[in-house]
């Protein structure tokens, strides 16, 4: 079973078919980042509409039983998730309400601070707020996985220790591999793993060092991380961005608060490495893990088994 810890695609039947072409069985699919409550519900509705009209190819899954059923039926299973918590507002009850409509992963902050804590891009990180502590408890109660990928380091550490359930970095790499605020220092990596969580190593070029990084070096990074935190805590979260118009990247990064002044300043999607251009190349990644010295059992755990174990613990 191949499970991708995060994709933020503009979903269509063509995108579903491309994801499936790489052997992906289950994907954590982002259905909200900058949206408010109404916007998030609209995104969820649109995704469910896609599933309803492509039931032979994709369905929403909310627990491990449904994951196994999707795999048996040869259908892509989608775990819905938010890359922000702003759509929950200041009401912890929203954690259960969104869980009831299929959202099983919530990232505490996206690219700016919110009332729960700081993002990784903030110059100052005051840690998890009082509202953040209450929301973490509500997410635990609702069976929702807490995602720390874009979250500031102090806020992440507070959240790991406040949570009664394991947390995850669904799409990030070690800071020692690529020096970016979006990547994680040793204390965060080790805290997540020590509480039973999983680190989904990303292939998004900006956070792995660019398109020139070789498959050998990337898979050697995974091997070193497995030695550091235990292979059972290492997985993949590609951060794939299939189907988007090039102009969408500005919104994806900054929403409305920091839009470019003109088209000449709009960011461009980065080039991906030739050995992994997207989810269709999971076979290439598997070959790289074999070459890095992982046993078949370890390789399969990294490609999906570790996410499945975490989902079974958190989703209930």
Protein backbone atom coordinates (compact mmCIF):
# COMPACT_ATOMS: atom_id res chain seq x y z
CA UNK A 1 0.00 0.00 0.00
CA UNK A 2 1.39 3.39 -1.03
CA UNK A 3 0.16 6.34 1.04
CA UNK A 4 1.16 9.91 0.18
CA UNK A 5 1.12 12.04 3.31
CA UNK A 6 0.07 15.20 1.48
CA UNK A 7 -0.94 16.46 -1.94
CA UNK A 8 -2.44 19.90 -2.57
CA UNK A 9 -3.74 19.29 -6.10
CA UNK A 10 -6.49 21.01 -8.05
CA UNK A 11 -8.41 17.76 -8.31
CA UNK A 12 -10.03 16.47 -11.49
CA UNK A 13 -10.45 13.05 -13.08
CA UNK A 14 -7.22 13.61 -15.01
CA UNK A 15 -5.35 14.37 -11.78
CA UNK A 16 -6.83 11.30 -10.08
CA UNK A 17 -5.65 9.14 -12.97
CA UNK A 18 -2.15 10.64 -12.84
CA UNK A 19 -1.88 10.01 -9.09
CA UNK A 20 -3.06 6.44 -9.55
CA UNK A 21 -0.52 5.89 -12.35
CA UNK A 22 2.26 5.93 -9.77
CA UNK A 23 0.62 3.21 -7.70
CA UNK A 24 -0.67 5.55 -4.99
CA UNK A 25 -3.49 3.91 -3.02
CA UNK A 26 -4.27 6.56 -0.37
CA UNK A 27 -3.61 10.30 -0.36
CA UNK A 28 -4.02 13.00 2.25
CA UNK A 29 -5.73 15.65 0.12
CA UNK A 30 -5.76 19.32 1.16
CA UNK A 31 -9.25 20.85 1.00
CA UNK A 32 -8.51 24.09 2.82
CA UNK A 33 -5.66 26.49 3.53
CA UNK A 34 -6.78 30.13 3.58
CA UNK A 35 -10.54 29.58 3.58
CA UNK A 36 -12.99 30.62 6.26
CA UNK A 37 -15.78 28.30 7.42
CA UNK A 38 -17.97 28.85 4.36
CA UNK A 39 -15.04 28.57 1.97
CA UNK A 40 -13.83 25.35 3.55
CA UNK A 41 -17.27 23.78 3.34
CA UNK A 42 -17.40 24.78 -0.33
CA UNK A 43 -14.04 23.07 -0.95
CA UNK A 44 -15.22 19.92 0.83
CA UNK A 45 -18.43 19.96 -1.19
CA UNK A 46 -16.49 20.30 -4.44
CA UNK A 47 -14.26 17.37 -3.53
CA UNK A 48 -17.25 15.21 -2.63
CA UNK A 49 -18.86 16.20 -5.93
CA UNK A 50 -15.74 14.97 -7.74
CA UNK A 51 -15.91 11.68 -5.84
CA UNK A 52 -19.60 11.23 -6.52
CA UNK A 53 -19.10 11.62 -10.28
CA UNK A 54 -15.94 9.49 -10.35
CA UNK A 55 -16.90 6.78 -7.87
CA UNK A 56 -15.01 4.17 -9.88
CA UNK A 57 -11.76 6.06 -9.24
CA UNK A 58 -11.80 7.99 -5.95
CA UNK A 59 -13.63 8.13 -2.61
CA UNK A 60 -13.25 9.84 0.77
CA UNK A 61 -11.96 7.60 3.56
CA UNK A 62 -12.10 8.41 7.27
CA UNK A 63 -10.72 5.34 9.04
CA UNK A 64 -8.49 2.34 8.44
CA UNK A 65 -11.38 0.01 7.62
CA UNK A 66 -12.44 2.36 4.81
CA UNK A 67 -8.81 2.61 3.67
CA UNK A 68 -8.55 -1.16 3.31
CA UNK A 69 -11.89 -1.26 1.51
CA UNK A 70 -10.77 1.39 -1.01
CA UNK A 71 -7.58 -0.54 -1.71
CA UNK A 72 -9.54 -3.78 -2.19
CA UNK A 73 -11.88 -1.99 -4.60
CA UNK A 74 -8.95 -0.50 -6.55
CA UNK A 75 -10.14 3.04 -5.82
CA UNK A 76 -7.97 5.96 -4.67
CA UNK A 77 -8.80 6.69 -1.04
CA UNK A 78 -8.64 10.36 0.00
CA UNK A 79 -8.11 11.45 3.60
CA UNK A 80 -9.32 15.05 3.69
CA UNK A 81 -7.24 17.64 5.50
CA UNK A 82 -6.78 21.34 6.19
CA UNK A 83 -3.42 23.10 6.05
CA UNK A 84 -4.67 25.71 8.49
CA UNK A 85 -7.05 25.97 11.44
CA UNK A 86 -8.61 29.35 10.66
CA UNK A 87 -11.75 27.68 9.30
CA UNK A 88 -12.39 26.28 12.79
CA UNK A 89 -12.54 29.80 14.21
CA UNK A 90 -12.33 30.01 17.99
CA UNK A 91 -14.78 27.15 18.61
CA UNK A 92 -13.24 23.77 19.53
CA UNK A 93 -16.57 22.11 18.69
CA UNK A 94 -15.72 22.69 15.03
CA UNK A 95 -13.08 19.96 15.28
CA UNK A 96 -15.77 17.31 15.61
CA UNK A 97 -18.08 18.97 13.07
CA UNK A 98 -15.38 18.91 10.41
CA UNK A 99 -14.41 15.35 11.38
CA UNK A 100 -18.03 14.36 10.78
CA UNK A 101 -17.81 15.59 7.17
CA UNK A 102 -14.55 13.77 6.53
CA UNK A 103 -11.69 16.06 7.65
CA UNK A 104 -9.20 13.87 9.50
CA UNK A 105 -6.04 16.04 9.42
CA UNK A 106 -5.68 19.65 10.57
CA UNK A 107 -2.48 21.69 10.44
CA UNK A 108 -2.43 24.15 13.32
CA UNK A 109 -1.03 27.08 11.30
CA UNK A 110 -0.27 27.72 7.67
CA UNK A 111 2.15 30.43 6.50
CA UNK A 112 1.21 33.13 9.02
CA UNK A 113 0.48 33.00 12.73
CA UNK A 114 -3.08 32.56 13.92
CA UNK A 115 -4.81 32.44 17.29
CA UNK A 116 -3.47 28.92 17.99
CA UNK A 117 0.23 29.66 17.53
CA UNK A 118 3.03 30.70 15.19
CA UNK A 119 3.95 29.58 11.71
CA UNK A 120 7.45 28.54 10.76
CA UNK A 121 7.94 31.84 8.91
CA UNK A 122 7.33 34.12 11.90
CA UNK A 123 10.35 35.95 13.37
CA UNK A 124 9.00 35.27 16.88
CA UNK A 125 7.30 32.09 18.08
CA UNK A 126 5.54 32.39 21.44
CA UNK A 127 4.40 28.77 21.43
CA UNK A 128 0.94 27.24 21.61
CA UNK A 129 -1.65 29.71 22.89
CA UNK A 130 -4.37 28.97 25.43
CA UNK A 131 -6.80 28.61 22.54
CA UNK A 132 -4.28 26.32 20.90
CA UNK A 133 -4.18 24.00 23.90
CA UNK A 134 -7.95 23.77 23.88
CA UNK A 135 -8.07 23.09 20.14
CA UNK A 136 -5.41 20.38 20.40
CA UNK A 137 -7.55 18.60 22.99
CA UNK A 138 -10.63 18.94 20.77
CA UNK A 139 -8.79 17.55 17.75
CA UNK A 140 -7.64 14.61 19.87
CA UNK A 141 -11.20 13.93 20.99
CA UNK A 142 -12.47 14.09 17.40
CA UNK A 143 -9.91 11.61 16.07
CA UNK A 144 -8.18 14.24 13.93
CA UNK A 145 -4.44 14.05 13.24
CA UNK A 146 -2.52 17.20 14.19
CA UNK A 147 -0.16 18.34 11.42
CA UNK A 148 2.91 20.47 12.23
CA UNK A 149 4.43 20.89 8.76
CA UNK A 150 4.15 24.70 8.51
CA UNK A 151 4.04 25.31 12.27
CA UNK A 152 6.73 27.18 14.20
CA UNK A 153 9.19 25.14 16.21
CA UNK A 154 8.17 26.29 19.68
CA UNK A 155 4.48 25.94 18.84
CA UNK A 156 5.20 22.48 17.42
CA UNK A 157 6.99 21.30 20.55
CA UNK A 158 4.19 22.61 22.76
CA UNK A 159 1.60 20.86 20.58
CA UNK A 160 3.45 17.52 20.62
CA UNK A 161 3.56 17.53 24.40
CA UNK A 162 0.02 18.85 24.85
CA UNK A 163 -1.47 16.24 22.54
CA UNK A 164 -2.72 12.93 23.93
CA UNK A 165 -2.29 11.43 20.44
CA UNK A 166 0.74 11.29 18.14
CA UNK A 167 1.22 14.22 15.79
CA UNK A 168 2.74 14.35 12.32
CA UNK A 169 4.85 16.41 9.99
CA UNK A 170 2.97 15.41 6.85
CA UNK A 171 5.33 17.17 4.41
CA UNK A 172 8.71 18.42 5.61
CA UNK A 173 12.37 17.48 5.75
CA UNK A 174 15.14 17.70 8.33
CA UNK A 175 16.75 21.11 8.64
CA UNK A 176 20.16 19.44 8.40
CA UNK A 177 19.29 18.30 4.84
CA UNK A 178 17.95 21.60 3.49
CA UNK A 179 18.27 24.85 5.40
CA UNK A 180 14.77 26.34 5.18
CA UNK A 181 12.42 27.59 7.90
CA UNK A 182 9.91 25.09 6.53
CA UNK A 183 12.14 22.19 7.53
CA UNK A 184 12.49 20.82 11.05
CA UNK A 185 15.35 20.89 13.57
CA UNK A 186 16.37 17.79 15.48
CA UNK A 187 14.41 18.60 18.64
CA UNK A 188 11.12 18.80 16.72
CA UNK A 189 11.83 15.66 14.68
CA UNK A 190 12.76 13.69 17.76
CA UNK A 191 9.82 14.96 19.80
CA UNK A 192 7.33 13.95 17.10
CA UNK A 193 8.88 10.49 16.83
CA UNK A 194 9.19 9.96 20.59
CA UNK A 195 5.42 10.39 20.95
CA UNK A 196 4.67 7.90 18.18
CA UNK A 197 4.30 10.35 15.32
CA UNK A 198 5.47 10.24 11.70
CA UNK A 199 7.61 12.55 9.57
CA UNK A 200 6.52 12.64 5.93
CA UNK A 201 9.60 13.60 3.93
CA UNK A 202 8.67 15.98 1.15
CA UNK A 203 9.82 16.11 -2.45
CA UNK A 204 8.72 19.70 -3.02
CA UNK A 205 11.87 21.11 -4.64
CA UNK A 206 12.24 24.23 -2.48
CA UNK A 207 12.49 22.12 0.68
CA UNK A 208 14.83 19.44 -0.62
CA UNK A 209 17.42 21.71 -2.21
CA UNK A 210 16.07 22.07 -5.74
CA UNK A 211 15.59 19.98 -8.84
CA UNK A 212 19.29 19.15 -8.95
CA UNK A 213 19.19 16.98 -5.82
CA UNK A 214 19.84 13.39 -6.84
CA UNK A 215 17.69 10.43 -5.93
CA UNK A 216 20.72 8.95 -4.16
CA UNK A 217 21.13 12.00 -1.92
CA UNK A 218 17.42 12.26 -1.15
CA UNK A 219 17.14 8.59 -0.21
CA UNK A 220 20.36 8.82 1.80
CA UNK A 221 18.64 11.61 3.75
CA UNK A 222 15.73 9.28 4.48
CA UNK A 223 18.17 6.59 5.62
CA UNK A 224 19.94 9.01 7.98
CA UNK A 225 16.59 10.23 9.35
CA UNK A 226 15.52 6.62 9.92
CA UNK A 227 18.71 6.04 11.90
CA UNK A 228 18.00 9.20 13.90
CA UNK A 229 14.34 8.67 14.84
CA UNK A 230 13.55 5.06 13.87
CA UNK A 231 12.39 3.80 10.49
CA UNK A 232 8.86 3.32 11.86
CA UNK A 233 8.54 7.12 12.15
CA UNK A 234 9.56 7.99 8.57
CA UNK A 235 7.22 8.24 5.58
CA UNK A 236 6.60 10.28 2.42
CA UNK A 237 4.48 13.41 1.89
CA UNK A 238 5.23 14.63 -1.60
CA UNK A 239 3.41 18.02 -1.45
CA UNK A 240 2.41 17.45 -5.07
CA UNK A 241 0.70 20.40 -6.81
CA UNK A 242 -0.95 18.85 -9.85
CA UNK A 243 -3.54 20.55 -12.02
CA UNK A 244 -3.07 24.17 -10.96
CA UNK A 245 -2.91 27.19 -13.21
CA UNK A 246 0.53 28.85 -12.71
CA UNK A 247 -1.15 31.94 -11.26
CA UNK A 248 -2.49 29.90 -8.35
CA UNK A 249 0.84 29.68 -6.51
CA UNK A 250 0.59 33.22 -5.13
CA UNK A 251 -2.75 32.41 -3.48
CA UNK A 252 -1.48 29.05 -2.22
CA UNK A 253 1.47 30.69 -0.50
CA UNK A 254 -0.02 33.87 0.85
CA UNK A 255 -3.78 34.04 0.43
CA UNK A 256 -4.85 37.67 0.42
CA UNK A 257 -2.43 39.15 2.92
CA UNK A 258 0.71 39.34 0.75
CA UNK A 259 -0.31 39.27 -2.89
CA UNK A 260 2.24 40.37 -5.53
CA UNK A 261 1.90 43.92 -6.80
CA UNK A 262 1.87 42.80 -10.43
CA UNK A 263 2.21 39.78 -12.71
CA UNK A 264 5.97 40.23 -12.98
CA UNK A 265 6.30 39.57 -9.24
CA UNK A 266 4.08 36.48 -9.17
CA UNK A 267 5.97 33.35 -8.05
CA UNK A 268 6.39 30.40 -10.40
CA UNK A 269 6.05 26.73 -9.52
CA UNK A 270 9.55 25.25 -9.13
CA UNK A 271 10.99 22.59 -11.40
CA UNK A 272 10.87 19.08 -9.93
CA UNK A 273 13.79 16.64 -10.16
CA UNK A 274 13.79 14.40 -13.25
CA UNK A 275 13.65 11.25 -11.12
CA UNK A 276 10.49 12.42 -9.32
CA UNK A 277 8.23 14.73 -11.31
CA UNK A 278 5.18 13.89 -9.21
CA UNK A 279 3.19 10.97 -7.78
CA UNK A 280 3.49 9.05 -11.04
CA UNK A 281 7.14 8.43 -10.12
CA UNK A 282 6.67 6.56 -6.85
CA UNK A 283 8.26 3.56 -8.57
CA UNK A 284 11.46 5.55 -8.99
CA UNK A 285 11.37 6.53 -5.33
CA UNK A 286 10.92 2.88 -4.32
CA UNK A 287 13.98 1.95 -6.36
CA UNK A 288 15.94 4.70 -4.62
CA UNK A 289 14.95 3.41 -1.18
CA UNK A 290 16.07 -0.08 -2.19
CA UNK A 291 19.40 1.39 -3.27
CA UNK A 292 19.74 3.21 0.06
CA UNK A 293 19.84 -0.13 1.86
CA UNK A 294 16.30 -0.47 3.18
CA UNK A 295 14.86 -3.95 3.35
CA UNK A 296 11.61 -4.57 1.43
CA UNK A 297 9.70 -4.44 4.73
CA UNK A 298 11.32 -1.13 5.71
CA UNK A 299 10.76 0.32 2.24
CA UNK A 300 7.08 -0.60 2.32
CA UNK A 301 6.71 0.91 5.79
CA UNK A 302 8.14 4.20 4.54
CA UNK A 303 5.94 4.17 1.43
CA UNK A 304 2.73 3.57 3.35
CA UNK A 305 2.82 1.26 6.33
CA UNK A 306 3.88 3.93 8.81
CA UNK A 307 1.05 6.25 7.78
CA UNK A 308 -1.39 3.37 8.10
CA UNK A 309 -0.21 2.63 11.63
CA UNK A 310 -0.54 6.28 12.64
CA UNK A 311 -3.99 6.56 11.11
CA UNK A 312 -5.11 3.47 13.00
CA UNK A 313 -4.00 5.06 16.28
CA UNK A 314 -5.44 8.55 15.72
CA UNK A 315 -8.57 8.02 13.63
CA UNK A 316 -9.94 5.26 15.83
